[in-house]
Amino acid sequence: MTLKDILTDITDKNAPILLSDGNNDWNANDLLGELSEPMLKRAAHMQTGLYIAEINDGGYLGRILYRLKDKA
């Protein structure tokens, strides 16, 4: 699964969450329009309710890209 797949799924479900990169909070749909194609094509995994992390070349979870936050 790619980061684009995850963001599209969040957008399609109209999930009430924000994605935090440590500096800003984002809506999934905004990230789909802002991120570059290479970034969107990164292999990623979403741990529901916690985070979205990249999957490294070895197939393991890498750095956390976004923490999930409930929309208030």
C-alpha atoms as a PDB file:
ATOM      1  CA  MET A   1       0.000   0.000   0.000  1.00  0.00           C
ATOM      2  CA  THR A   2       1.248   3.487  -0.790  1.00  0.00           C
ATOM      3  CA  LEU A   3       0.861   6.742   1.097  1.00  0.00           C
ATOM      4  CA  LYS A   4      -1.480   7.878  -1.692  1.00  0.00           C
ATOM      5  CA  ASP A   5      -3.688   4.795  -1.153  1.00  0.00           C
ATOM      6  CA  ILE A   6      -3.923   5.517   2.575  1.00  0.00           C
ATOM      7  CA  LEU A   7      -4.701   9.217   2.098  1.00  0.00           C
ATOM      8  CA  THR A   8      -7.298   8.419  -0.570  1.00  0.00           C
ATOM      9  CA  ASP A   9      -8.952   5.870   1.720  1.00  0.00           C
ATOM     10  CA  ILE A  10      -9.124   8.403   4.581  1.00  0.00           C
ATOM     11  CA  THR A  11     -10.603  10.999   2.214  1.00  0.00           C
ATOM     12  CA  ASP A  12     -13.124   8.572   0.682  1.00  0.00           C
ATOM     13  CA  LYS A  13     -14.343   7.518   4.126  1.00  0.00           C
ATOM     14  CA  ASN A  14     -14.487  11.148   5.261  1.00  0.00           C
ATOM     15  CA  ALA A  15     -12.701  10.007   8.419  1.00  0.00           C
ATOM     16  CA  PRO A  16     -12.740  12.673  11.162  1.00  0.00           C
ATOM     17  CA  ILE A  17      -8.956  12.780  11.641  1.00  0.00           C
ATOM     18  CA  LEU A  18      -6.083  15.168  11.126  1.00  0.00           C
ATOM     19  CA  LEU A  19      -2.565  14.106  10.218  1.00  0.00           C
ATOM     20  CA  SER A  20       0.211  15.774  12.188  1.00  0.00           C
ATOM     21  CA  ASP A  21       3.798  15.953  10.927  1.00  0.00           C
ATOM     22  CA  GLY A  22       5.056  17.621  14.097  1.00  0.00           C
ATOM     23  CA  ASN A  23       4.831  21.110  12.614  1.00  0.00           C
ATOM     24  CA  ASN A  24       1.355  21.251  11.095  1.00  0.00           C
ATOM     25  CA  ASP A  25      -1.957  19.424  11.128  1.00  0.00           C
ATOM     26  CA  TRP A  26      -3.306  18.377   7.743  1.00  0.00           C
ATOM     27  CA  ASN A  27      -6.478  16.998   6.219  1.00  0.00           C
ATOM     28  CA  ALA A  28      -5.763  13.924   4.086  1.00  0.00           C
ATOM     29  CA  ASN A  29      -7.249  15.601   1.019  1.00  0.00           C
ATOM     30  CA  ASP A  30      -4.920  18.602   1.429  1.00  0.00           C
ATOM     31  CA  LEU A  31      -1.893  16.297   1.526  1.00  0.00           C
ATOM     32  CA  LEU A  32      -3.019  14.592  -1.679  1.00  0.00           C
ATOM     33  CA  GLY A  33      -2.779  17.977  -3.389  1.00  0.00           C
ATOM     34  CA  GLU A  34       0.423  19.148  -1.691  1.00  0.00           C
ATOM     35  CA  LEU A  35       2.774  16.148  -1.703  1.00  0.00           C
ATOM     36  CA  SER A  36       4.994  15.224  -4.642  1.00  0.00           C
ATOM     37  CA  GLU A  37       4.334  12.063  -6.661  1.00  0.00           C
ATOM     38  CA  PRO A  38       7.494  10.353  -5.337  1.00  0.00           C
ATOM     39  CA  MET A  39       6.321  10.989  -1.765  1.00  0.00           C
ATOM     40  CA  LEU A  40       2.807   9.729  -2.536  1.00  0.00           C
ATOM     41  CA  LYS A  41       4.260   6.544  -4.095  1.00  0.00           C
ATOM     42  CA  ARG A  42       6.163   5.605  -0.910  1.00  0.00           C
ATOM     43  CA  ALA A  43       5.202   2.299   0.622  1.00  0.00           C
ATOM     44  CA  ALA A  44       3.407   3.004   3.889  1.00  0.00           C
ATOM     45  CA  HIS A  45       1.345   1.432   6.663  1.00  0.00           C
ATOM     46  CA  MET A  46      -1.400   3.015   8.747  1.00  0.00           C
ATOM     47  CA  GLN A  47      -1.771   1.833  12.326  1.00  0.00           C
ATOM     48  CA  THR A  48      -5.382   2.809  12.924  1.00  0.00           C
ATOM     49  CA  GLY A  49      -5.755   5.501  15.539  1.00  0.00           C
ATOM     50  CA  LEU A  50      -2.013   6.032  15.936  1.00  0.00           C
ATOM     51  CA  TYR A  51       0.152   6.842  12.912  1.00  0.00           C
ATOM     52  CA  ILE A  52       1.149   6.416   9.283  1.00  0.00           C
ATOM     53  CA  ALA A  53       4.691   5.079   8.887  1.00  0.00           C
ATOM     54  CA  GLU A  54       6.809   4.448   5.833  1.00  0.00           C
ATOM     55  CA  ILE A  55       7.856   0.911   4.992  1.00  0.00           C
ATOM     56  CA  ASN A  56      11.575   0.723   4.277  1.00  0.00           C
ATOM     57  CA  ASP A  57      13.302  -1.300   1.551  1.00  0.00           C
ATOM     58  CA  GLY A  58      13.687  -4.235   3.947  1.00  0.00           C
ATOM     59  CA  GLY A  59       9.920  -4.392   4.427  1.00  0.00           C
ATOM     60  CA  TYR A  60      10.023  -3.067   7.986  1.00  0.00           C
ATOM     61  CA  LEU A  61       8.282  -0.036   9.434  1.00  0.00           C
ATOM     62  CA  GLY A  62      10.477   3.014   9.097  1.00  0.00           C
ATOM     63  CA  ARG A  63       9.968   6.518  10.353  1.00  0.00           C
ATOM     64  CA  ILE A  64       6.574   7.827  11.303  1.00  0.00           C
ATOM     65  CA  LEU A  65       5.328  10.212   8.644  1.00  0.00           C
ATOM     66  CA  TYR A  66       2.129  11.409  10.348  1.00  0.00           C
ATOM     67  CA  ARG A  67       0.492  10.945  13.718  1.00  0.00           C
ATOM     68  CA  LEU A  68      -3.290  10.656  13.667  1.00  0.00           C
ATOM     69  CA  LYS A  69      -5.354  13.133  15.651  1.00  0.00           C
ATOM     70  CA  ASP A  70      -9.111  13.365  16.122  1.00  0.00           C
ATOM     71  CA  LYS A  71     -10.679  16.455  14.571  1.00  0.00           C
ATOM     72  CA  ALA A  72     -12.049  18.635  17.319  1.00  0.00           C
END
